[in-house]
C-alpha atoms as a PDB file:
ATOM      1  CA  MET A   1     106.343  92.111 129.484  1.00  0.00           C
ATOM      2  CA  SER A   2     108.533  89.266 128.264  1.00  0.00           C
ATOM      3  CA  ILE A   3     108.862  88.308 124.620  1.00  0.00           C
ATOM      4  CA  GLU A   4     108.523  84.638 125.521  1.00  0.00           C
ATOM      5  CA  ALA A   5     105.009  85.261 126.878  1.00  0.00           C
ATOM      6  CA  PHE A   6     103.497  85.506 123.417  1.00  0.00           C
ATOM      7  CA  GLY A   7     104.462  82.175 121.855  1.00  0.00           C
ATOM      8  CA  ARG A   8     104.998  81.577 118.151  1.00  0.00           C
ATOM      9  CA  VAL A   9     103.026  80.246 115.233  1.00  0.00           C
ATOM     10  CA  HIS A  10     105.110  78.183 112.817  1.00  0.00           C
ATOM     11  CA  LEU A  11     104.593  78.711 109.087  1.00  0.00           C
ATOM     12  CA  ASP A  12     106.776  76.695 106.729  1.00  0.00           C
ATOM     13  CA  GLY A  13     109.550  76.474 109.303  1.00  0.00           C
ATOM     14  CA  THR A  14     109.434  80.098 110.472  1.00  0.00           C
ATOM     15  CA  GLY A  15     108.181  80.957 113.951  1.00  0.00           C
ATOM     16  CA  ILE A  16     106.112  84.149 114.013  1.00  0.00           C
ATOM     17  CA  ASP A  17     105.213  85.848 117.283  1.00  0.00           C
ATOM     18  CA  ARG A  18     101.536  85.975 118.248  1.00  0.00           C
ATOM     19  CA  ILE A  19     101.681  89.635 119.106  1.00  0.00           C
ATOM     20  CA  THR A  20      99.834  92.820 118.207  1.00  0.00           C
ATOM     21  CA  GLU A  21     101.447  96.044 117.078  1.00  0.00           C
ATOM     22  CA  ASP A  22     100.624  97.704 120.407  1.00  0.00           C
ATOM     23  CA  GLU A  23     102.265  94.799 122.224  1.00  0.00           C
ATOM     24  CA  VAL A  24     105.414  95.147 120.082  1.00  0.00           C
ATOM     25  CA  VAL A  25     105.667  98.775 121.166  1.00  0.00           C
ATOM     26  CA  ALA A  26     105.167  97.792 124.819  1.00  0.00           C
ATOM     27  CA  VAL A  27     107.860  95.101 124.602  1.00  0.00           C
ATOM     28  CA  VAL A  28     110.393  97.512 123.073  1.00  0.00           C
ATOM     29  CA  ARG A  29     109.664 100.258 125.606  1.00  0.00           C
ATOM     30  CA  ASP A  30     110.009  97.818 128.503  1.00  0.00           C
ATOM     31  CA  ALA A  31     113.233  96.365 127.130  1.00  0.00           C
ATOM     32  CA  LEU A  32     114.778  99.811 126.642  1.00  0.00           C
ATOM     33  CA  ALA A  33     113.783 100.783 130.182  1.00  0.00           C
ATOM     34  CA  ASN A  34     115.724  97.754 131.401  1.00  0.00           C
ATOM     35  CA  GLY A  35     118.781  98.332 129.199  1.00  0.00           C
ATOM     36  CA  ARG A  36     118.058  95.518 126.742  1.00  0.00           C
ATOM     37  CA  GLY A  37     118.375  95.831 122.987  1.00  0.00           C
ATOM     38  CA  GLY A  38     116.900  93.636 120.302  1.00  0.00           C
ATOM     39  CA  ARG A  39     115.994  93.099 116.695  1.00  0.00           C
ATOM     40  CA  ILE A  40     112.646  92.957 114.911  1.00  0.00           C
ATOM     41  CA  ILE A  41     112.142  91.277 111.537  1.00  0.00           C
ATOM     42  CA  THR A  42     108.882  91.676 109.627  1.00  0.00           C
ATOM     43  CA  PRO A  43     108.739  88.811 107.100  1.00  0.00           C
ATOM     44  CA  ASN A  44     106.285  88.923 104.221  1.00  0.00           C
ATOM     45  CA  VAL A  45     105.509  86.128 101.759  1.00  0.00           C
ATOM     46  CA  ASP A  46     108.725  86.755  99.839  1.00  0.00           C
ATOM     47  CA  ILE A  47     110.962  86.520 102.912  1.00  0.00           C
ATOM     48  CA  LEU A  48     109.122  83.437 104.186  1.00  0.00           C
ATOM     49  CA  ARG A  49     109.579  81.772 100.779  1.00  0.00           C
ATOM     50  CA  ARG A  50     113.279  82.546 100.702  1.00  0.00           C
ATOM     51  CA  ALA A  51     113.810  81.433 104.298  1.00  0.00           C
ATOM     52  CA  ALA A  52     112.426  78.006 103.462  1.00  0.00           C
ATOM     53  CA  ALA A  53     115.168  77.470 100.874  1.00  0.00           C
ATOM     54  CA  ASP A  54     118.113  79.703 101.832  1.00  0.00           C
ATOM     55  CA  PRO A  55     120.114  79.107 105.053  1.00  0.00           C
ATOM     56  CA  GLU A  56     121.483  82.662 104.888  1.00  0.00           C
ATOM     57  CA  VAL A  57     117.965  84.124 105.046  1.00  0.00           C
ATOM     58  CA  ARG A  58     117.080  81.651 107.793  1.00  0.00           C
ATOM     59  CA  ARG A  59     120.079  82.894 109.801  1.00  0.00           C
ATOM     60  CA  HIS A  60     118.674  86.429 109.925  1.00  0.00           C
ATOM     61  CA  LEU A  61     115.334  85.155 111.197  1.00  0.00           C
ATOM     62  CA  ASP A  62     116.994  82.955 113.800  1.00  0.00           C
ATOM     63  CA  ASP A  63     118.842  86.012 115.127  1.00  0.00           C
ATOM     64  CA  ALA A  64     115.662  88.074 115.637  1.00  0.00           C
ATOM     65  CA  ASP A  65     114.104  88.754 119.043  1.00  0.00           C
ATOM     66  CA  LEU A  66     110.703  89.472 117.515  1.00  0.00           C
ATOM     67  CA  ILE A  67     109.341  88.127 114.213  1.00  0.00           C
ATOM     68  CA  VAL A  68     106.038  89.671 113.157  1.00  0.00           C
ATOM     69  CA  ALA A  69     103.874  88.995 110.112  1.00  0.00           C
ATOM     70  CA  ASP A  70     104.103  91.748 107.510  1.00  0.00           C
ATOM     71  CA  GLY A  71     101.641  90.201 105.087  1.00  0.00           C
ATOM     72  CA  MET A  72      97.994  89.184 105.232  1.00  0.00           C
ATOM     73  CA  PRO A  73      98.623  85.779 103.578  1.00  0.00           C
ATOM     74  CA  LEU A  74     100.651  84.845 106.663  1.00  0.00           C
ATOM     75  CA  VAL A  75      97.771  85.847 108.922  1.00  0.00           C
ATOM     76  CA  TRP A  76      95.283  83.927 106.755  1.00  0.00           C
ATOM     77  CA  ALA A  77      97.490  80.820 106.772  1.00  0.00           C
ATOM     78  CA  SER A  78      97.740  80.948 110.568  1.00  0.00           C
ATOM     79  CA  ARG A  79      93.941  81.115 110.840  1.00  0.00           C
ATOM     80  CA  LEU A  80      93.459  78.201 108.467  1.00  0.00           C
ATOM     81  CA  GLY A  81      96.009  76.248 110.473  1.00  0.00           C
ATOM     82  CA  GLY A  82      94.114  76.752 113.712  1.00  0.00           C
ATOM     83  CA  ALA A  83      96.685  78.954 115.481  1.00  0.00           C
ATOM     84  CA  PRO A  84      95.701  82.472 114.420  1.00  0.00           C
ATOM     85  CA  LEU A  85      98.042  85.404 114.529  1.00  0.00           C
ATOM     86  CA  PRO A  86      96.186  88.371 116.066  1.00  0.00           C
ATOM     87  CA  GLU A  87      96.909  90.815 113.243  1.00  0.00           C
ATOM     88  CA  ARG A  88      99.302  91.934 110.559  1.00  0.00           C
ATOM     89  CA  VAL A  89     102.207  93.984 111.934  1.00  0.00           C
ATOM     90  CA  ALA A  90     103.809  95.857 109.048  1.00  0.00           C
ATOM     91  CA  GLY A  91     107.150  97.623 109.145  1.00  0.00           C
ATOM     92  CA  SER A  92     105.546 100.604 107.437  1.00  0.00           C
ATOM     93  CA  SER A  93     103.193 100.923 110.426  1.00  0.00           C
ATOM     94  CA  LEU A  94     105.779 100.102 113.101  1.00  0.00           C
ATOM     95  CA  ILE A  95     107.953 103.036 112.080  1.00  0.00           C
ATOM     96  CA  TRP A  96     105.123 105.304 113.263  1.00  0.00           C
ATOM     97  CA  SER A  97     103.905 103.387 116.316  1.00  0.00           C
ATOM     98  CA  LEU A  98     107.365 102.691 117.701  1.00  0.00           C
ATOM     99  CA  SER A  99     108.392 106.324 117.198  1.00  0.00           C
ATOM    100  CA  THR A 100     105.258 107.450 119.010  1.00  0.00           C
ATOM    101  CA  GLY A 101     105.798 104.970 121.825  1.00  0.00           C
ATOM    102  CA  ILE A 102     109.439 105.650 122.591  1.00  0.00           C
ATOM    103  CA  GLY A 103     108.805 109.374 122.096  1.00  0.00           C
ATOM    104  CA  ARG A 104     106.691 109.198 125.256  1.00  0.00           C
ATOM    105  CA  ASP A 105     109.857 108.097 127.030  1.00  0.00           C
ATOM    106  CA  GLY A 106     111.982 110.861 125.485  1.00  0.00           C
ATOM    107  CA  ARG A 107     114.076 108.358 123.571  1.00  0.00           C
ATOM    108  CA  SER A 108     115.911 108.652 120.268  1.00  0.00           C
ATOM    109  CA  ILE A 109     115.840 107.100 116.809  1.00  0.00           C
ATOM    110  CA  PHE A 110     118.223 106.939 113.881  1.00  0.00           C
ATOM    111  CA  VAL A 111     116.677 106.683 110.410  1.00  0.00           C
ATOM    112  CA  ALA A 112     118.805 104.966 107.750  1.00  0.00           C
ATOM    113  CA  GLY A 113     117.781 104.377 104.156  1.00  0.00           C
ATOM    114  CA  GLY A 114     115.586 106.171 101.678  1.00  0.00           C
ATOM    115  CA  ALA A 115     116.653 108.071  98.586  1.00  0.00           C
ATOM    116  CA  PRO A 116     120.021 109.869  98.669  1.00  0.00           C
ATOM    117  CA  ALA A 117     119.855 113.636  98.255  1.00  0.00           C
ATOM    118  CA  PRO A 118     120.585 115.139  94.828  1.00  0.00           C
ATOM    119  CA  ARG A 119     124.090 116.526  94.529  1.00  0.00           C
ATOM    120  CA  SER A 120     122.679 120.039  94.321  1.00  0.00           C
ATOM    121  CA  ALA A 121     120.601 119.624  97.471  1.00  0.00           C
ATOM    122  CA  THR A 122     120.853 122.037 100.366  1.00  0.00           C
ATOM    123  CA  PRO A 123     120.270 121.145 104.036  1.00  0.00           C
ATOM    124  CA  TRP A 124     116.643 120.952 105.125  1.00  0.00           C
ATOM    125  CA  PRO A 125     115.903 121.968 108.732  1.00  0.00           C
ATOM    126  CA  ALA A 126     114.410 119.116 110.703  1.00  0.00           C
ATOM    127  CA  ALA A 127     111.451 121.225 111.841  1.00  0.00           C
ATOM    128  CA  ALA A 128     110.593 122.543 108.386  1.00  0.00           C
ATOM    129  CA  ASP A 129     107.539 121.525 106.444  1.00  0.00           C
ATOM    130  CA  ARG A 130     107.804 119.532 103.248  1.00  0.00           C
ATOM    131  CA  PRO A 131     109.181 121.643 100.376  1.00  0.00           C
ATOM    132  CA  ALA A 132     107.103 122.590  97.360  1.00  0.00           C
ATOM    133  CA  GLU A 133     105.937 119.700  95.181  1.00  0.00           C
ATOM    134  CA  GLY A 134     108.734 118.363  93.021  1.00  0.00           C
ATOM    135  CA  VAL A 135     111.492 120.115  95.008  1.00  0.00           C
ATOM    136  CA  VAL A 136     113.828 117.832  96.963  1.00  0.00           C
ATOM    137  CA  THR A 137     116.288 119.533  99.297  1.00  0.00           C
ATOM    138  CA  ALA A 138     117.427 116.686 101.576  1.00  0.00           C
ATOM    139  CA  ASP A 139     117.855 112.947 101.515  1.00  0.00           C
ATOM    140  CA  GLY A 140     114.921 110.658 102.210  1.00  0.00           C
ATOM    141  CA  ALA A 141     116.085 109.659 105.697  1.00  0.00           C
ATOM    142  CA  THR A 142     116.339 113.284 106.818  1.00  0.00           C
ATOM    143  CA  ARG A 143     112.867 114.082 105.504  1.00  0.00           C
ATOM    144  CA  ALA A 144     111.434 110.953 107.121  1.00  0.00           C
ATOM    145  CA  ALA A 145     113.080 111.785 110.447  1.00  0.00           C
ATOM    146  CA  ALA A 146     111.673 115.321 110.320  1.00  0.00           C
ATOM    147  CA  ARG A 147     108.162 114.017 109.763  1.00  0.00           C
ATOM    148  CA  LEU A 148     108.458 111.516 112.601  1.00  0.00           C
ATOM    149  CA  ALA A 149     109.790 114.178 114.975  1.00  0.00           C
ATOM    150  CA  ALA A 150     106.935 116.523 114.071  1.00  0.00           C
ATOM    151  CA  ALA A 151     104.294 113.820 114.608  1.00  0.00           C
ATOM    152  CA  CYS A 152     105.693 112.130 117.746  1.00  0.00           C
ATOM    153  CA  PRO A 153     106.015 114.397 120.810  1.00  0.00           C
ATOM    154  CA  GLY A 154     109.138 113.767 122.870  1.00  0.00           C
ATOM    155  CA  LEU A 155     110.917 111.833 120.119  1.00  0.00           C
ATOM    156  CA  ARG A 156     114.561 112.752 119.661  1.00  0.00           C
ATOM    157  CA  ILE A 157     116.379 112.323 116.356  1.00  0.00           C
ATOM    158  CA  ALA A 158     119.862 110.931 116.959  1.00  0.00           C
ATOM    159  CA  GLY A 159     120.642 111.082 113.245  1.00  0.00           C
ATOM    160  CA  SER A 160     119.579 110.186 109.721  1.00  0.00           C
ATOM    161  CA  LEU A 161     121.456 108.985 106.677  1.00  0.00           C
ATOM    162  CA  SER A 162     120.602 107.845 103.169  1.00  0.00           C
ATOM    163  CA  PRO A 163     123.724 106.081 101.884  1.00  0.00           C
ATOM    164  CA  ALA A 164     124.738 106.297  98.253  1.00  0.00           C
ATOM    165  CA  TYR A 165     123.617 103.431  96.045  1.00  0.00           C
ATOM    166  CA  GLY A 166     126.245 100.684  96.110  1.00  0.00           C
ATOM    167  CA  PHE A 167     127.763 101.852  99.405  1.00  0.00           C
ATOM    168  CA  ASP A 168     127.852  98.256 100.636  1.00  0.00           C
ATOM    169  CA  GLU A 169     130.263  97.310  97.845  1.00  0.00           C
ATOM    170  CA  ASP A 170     132.881  99.739  99.185  1.00  0.00           C
ATOM    171  CA  GLU A 171     134.206  98.657 102.587  1.00  0.00           C
ATOM    172  CA  THR A 172     135.356 102.173 103.476  1.00  0.00           C
ATOM    173  CA  ALA A 173     131.937 103.663 102.712  1.00  0.00           C
ATOM    174  CA  TYR A 174     130.240 100.783 104.527  1.00  0.00           C
ATOM    175  CA  ALA A 175     132.384 101.266 107.633  1.00  0.00           C
ATOM    176  CA  GLU A 176     131.769 105.037 107.634  1.00  0.00           C
ATOM    177  CA  PHE A 177     128.023 104.498 107.326  1.00  0.00           C
ATOM    178  CA  CYS A 178     127.981 102.105 110.289  1.00  0.00           C
ATOM    179  CA  ALA A 179     130.301 104.310 112.357  1.00  0.00           C
ATOM    180  CA  LYS A 180     127.922 107.280 112.059  1.00  0.00           C
ATOM    181  CA  ILE A 181     125.093 105.217 113.485  1.00  0.00           C
ATOM    182  CA  VAL A 182     127.230 103.772 116.285  1.00  0.00           C
ATOM    183  CA  ASP A 183     128.563 107.208 117.244  1.00  0.00           C
ATOM    184  CA  ALA A 184     124.997 108.572 117.507  1.00  0.00           C
ATOM    185  CA  ARG A 185     124.122 105.969 120.214  1.00  0.00           C
ATOM    186  CA  PRO A 186     120.391 105.839 119.326  1.00  0.00           C
ATOM    187  CA  ASP A 187     117.804 103.894 121.282  1.00  0.00           C
ATOM    188  CA  LEU A 188     116.196 102.546 118.111  1.00  0.00           C
ATOM    189  CA  VAL A 189     117.367 102.332 114.500  1.00  0.00           C
ATOM    190  CA  PHE A 190     115.095 102.023 111.479  1.00  0.00           C
ATOM    191  CA  VAL A 191     117.044 100.536 108.567  1.00  0.00           C
ATOM    192  CA  GLY A 192     115.158 100.832 105.293  1.00  0.00           C
ATOM    193  CA  LEU A 193     117.536  99.367 102.721  1.00  0.00           C
ATOM    194  CA  GLY A 194     115.538  96.352 101.570  1.00  0.00           C
ATOM    195  CA  PHE A 195     115.950  92.725 102.563  1.00  0.00           C
ATOM    196  CA  PRO A 196     118.540  91.286 103.051  1.00  0.00           C
ATOM    197  CA  LYS A 197     120.862  94.306 102.787  1.00  0.00           C
ATOM    198  CA  GLN A 198     119.287  95.952 105.813  1.00  0.00           C
ATOM    199  CA  GLU A 199     119.617  92.749 107.841  1.00  0.00           C
ATOM    200  CA  LEU A 200     123.340  92.549 107.119  1.00  0.00           C
ATOM    201  CA  VAL A 201     123.730  96.153 108.292  1.00  0.00           C
ATOM    202  CA  ILE A 202     121.797  95.402 111.477  1.00  0.00           C
ATOM    203  CA  GLU A 203     123.895  92.310 112.119  1.00  0.00           C
ATOM    204  CA  ARG A 204     127.022  94.425 111.921  1.00  0.00           C
ATOM    205  CA  LEU A 205     125.662  97.223 114.113  1.00  0.00           C
ATOM    206  CA  ARG A 206     124.380  95.008 116.920  1.00  0.00           C
ATOM    207  CA  ARG A 207     127.881  94.144 118.016  1.00  0.00           C
ATOM    208  CA  ASP A 208     128.549  97.777 118.932  1.00  0.00           C
ATOM    209  CA  LEU A 209     125.047  98.748 120.091  1.00  0.00           C
ATOM    210  CA  PRO A 210     123.829  95.897 122.330  1.00  0.00           C
ATOM    211  CA  ALA A 211     121.301  98.104 124.165  1.00  0.00           C
ATOM    212  CA  THR A 212     119.725  99.424 120.931  1.00  0.00           C
ATOM    213  CA  TRP A 213     116.667  98.080 119.099  1.00  0.00           C
ATOM    214  CA  PHE A 214     116.730  97.600 115.329  1.00  0.00           C
ATOM    215  CA  VAL A 215     113.951  97.289 112.779  1.00  0.00           C
ATOM    216  CA  GLY A 216     114.553  96.349 109.153  1.00  0.00           C
ATOM    217  CA  CYS A 217     111.690  98.311 107.631  1.00  0.00           C
ATOM    218  CA  GLY A 218     112.127  98.060 103.842  1.00  0.00           C
ATOM    219  CA  ALA A 219     110.245 100.800 101.998  1.00  0.00           C
ATOM    220  CA  ALA A 220     108.911 102.415 105.192  1.00  0.00           C
ATOM    221  CA  VAL A 221     111.486 105.225 105.096  1.00  0.00           C
ATOM    222  CA  ASN A 222     110.386 106.091 101.568  1.00  0.00           C
ATOM    223  CA  PHE A 223     106.748 106.043 102.673  1.00  0.00           C
ATOM    224  CA  VAL A 224     107.360 108.391 105.594  1.00  0.00           C
ATOM    225  CA  ALA A 225     109.509 110.711 103.481  1.00  0.00           C
ATOM    226  CA  GLY A 226     106.685 110.946 100.946  1.00  0.00           C
ATOM    227  CA  ASP A 227     108.780 109.627  98.065  1.00  0.00           C
ATOM    228  CA  VAL A 228     106.568 106.543  97.640  1.00  0.00           C
ATOM    229  CA  HIS A 229     102.856 106.441  98.435  1.00  0.00           C
ATOM    230  CA  ARG A 230     101.577 103.543 100.481  1.00  0.00           C
ATOM    231  CA  ALA A 231      98.449 101.679  99.384  1.00  0.00           C
ATOM    232  CA  PRO A 232      95.055 102.942 100.589  1.00  0.00           C
ATOM    233  CA  ARG A 233      93.932 101.539 103.929  1.00  0.00           C
ATOM    234  CA  TRP A 234      91.284  99.316 102.384  1.00  0.00           C
ATOM    235  CA  MET A 235      93.981  97.605 100.300  1.00  0.00           C
ATOM    236  CA  GLN A 236      96.153  97.164 103.389  1.00  0.00           C
ATOM    237  CA  ARG A 237      93.270  95.599 105.334  1.00  0.00           C
ATOM    238  CA  THR A 238      92.226  93.238 102.550  1.00  0.00           C
ATOM    239  CA  GLY A 239      95.702  91.962 101.729  1.00  0.00           C
ATOM    240  CA  LEU A 240      95.987  93.809  98.412  1.00  0.00           C
ATOM    241  CA  GLU A 241      98.871  96.107  99.267  1.00  0.00           C
ATOM    242  CA  TRP A 242     101.108  93.959  97.058  1.00  0.00           C
ATOM    243  CA  ALA A 243      98.907  94.863  94.062  1.00  0.00           C
ATOM    244  CA  HIS A 244      99.412  98.556  94.766  1.00  0.00           C
ATOM    245  CA  ARG A 245     103.187  98.077  95.010  1.00  0.00           C
ATOM    246  CA  LEU A 246     103.142  96.073  91.793  1.00  0.00           C
ATOM    247  CA  GLY A 247     101.256  98.860  90.049  1.00  0.00           C
ATOM    248  CA  THR A 248     103.754 101.488  91.177  1.00  0.00           C
ATOM    249  CA  GLU A 249     106.917  99.466  90.430  1.00  0.00           C
ATOM    250  CA  PRO A 250     105.932  96.847  87.817  1.00  0.00           C
ATOM    251  CA  ARG A 251     109.340  96.417  86.203  1.00  0.00           C
ATOM    252  CA  ARG A 252     111.078  95.751  89.498  1.00  0.00           C
ATOM    253  CA  LEU A 253     108.418  93.666  91.213  1.00  0.00           C
ATOM    254  CA  ALA A 254     106.453  91.796  88.522  1.00  0.00           C
ATOM    255  CA  GLY A 255     108.826  88.848  88.232  1.00  0.00           C
ATOM    256  CA  ARG A 256     109.146  88.370  91.978  1.00  0.00           C
ATOM    257  CA  TYR A 257     105.494  88.822  92.842  1.00  0.00           C
ATOM    258  CA  LEU A 258     103.878  86.904  89.988  1.00  0.00           C
ATOM    259  CA  ARG A 259     106.436  84.190  89.248  1.00  0.00           C
ATOM    260  CA  HIS A 260     107.539  83.350  92.776  1.00  0.00           C
ATOM    261  CA  ASP A 261     105.543  84.928  95.610  1.00  0.00           C
ATOM    262  CA  ALA A 262     101.965  84.417  94.402  1.00  0.00           C
ATOM    263  CA  PRO A 263     102.381  80.650  93.743  1.00  0.00           C
ATOM    264  CA  TYR A 264     104.154  80.250  97.091  1.00  0.00           C
ATOM    265  CA  ALA A 265     101.344  82.098  98.918  1.00  0.00           C
ATOM    266  CA  LEU A 266      98.754  79.814  97.336  1.00  0.00           C
ATOM    267  CA  ARG A 267     100.699  76.718  98.393  1.00  0.00           C
ATOM    268  CA  LEU A 268     101.079  78.097 101.919  1.00  0.00           C
ATOM    269  CA  LEU A 269      97.328  78.638 102.205  1.00  0.00           C
ATOM    270  CA  ALA A 270      96.522  75.240 100.688  1.00  0.00           C
ATOM    271  CA  ARG A 271      98.770  73.414 103.175  1.00  0.00           C
ATOM    272  CA  ALA A 272      97.584  75.343 106.236  1.00  0.00           C
ATOM    273  CA  PRO A 273      94.450  73.272 107.078  1.00  0.00           C
ATOM    274  CA  ARG A 274      96.569  70.116 107.206  1.00  0.00           C
ATOM    275  CA  ARG A 275      98.446  71.551 110.173  1.00  0.00           C
ATOM    276  CA  ARG A 276      95.301  71.752 112.280  1.00  0.00           C
ATOM    277  CA  ARG A 277      95.404  69.667 115.401  1.00  0.00           C
ATOM    278  CA  PRO A 278      92.847  66.837 115.576  1.00  0.00           C
END
């Protein structure tokens, strides 16, 4: 199944693949079977807004093999514009579906991101259940990897790592972080460090792992680890997941969501009917 077979819908200068989540999994499995790596980016309204104005953000999108819509406003805009995307494909869902899919092939993942372990933490066996409420004994990536391994038969864990905050400002720490992933030789890497930090990491890793697939998955590692709770399914389906995130992290997200992203989303939807073909 070729990536080119799906075509793209263009929203404010960004081409988004007309592809379902199941088809993403099929594309990645087929590519891995044929020794081809790749990169998936899951833009939401915020990333689309920034890409329209920032060449550096645009560069990351231009480098992606698959671009899928992680946001219902993008799906709605495509429908209003007459070229509908089939569905939302969120990074927080892909981390599960891709792990399940490549697990069927006995392939491996590396999980990077999530909350670093407390200094007093002790190792947590990958097969163990979640510790008692309030007790954290491993970093977020390790706990996320353990949950994925338990839920996805055949999946192998090549490694997991939650880097210390600010690691990217120290070249030695940055190089060590990347070297651990390269040395593990995973088939697929989930990088949950937030955009665009995770994209810069992926850009650096791709040079040494050309046959590996990469997904910048934002908060997905925290969701899987259980450190952050994802919105209820009805909020995901109705495009209100942003409201749940805003309610859980108001100080960090209020300015971005309300001052920048919401007005941009409204403009995107208002312009969409004008793009309809006669």
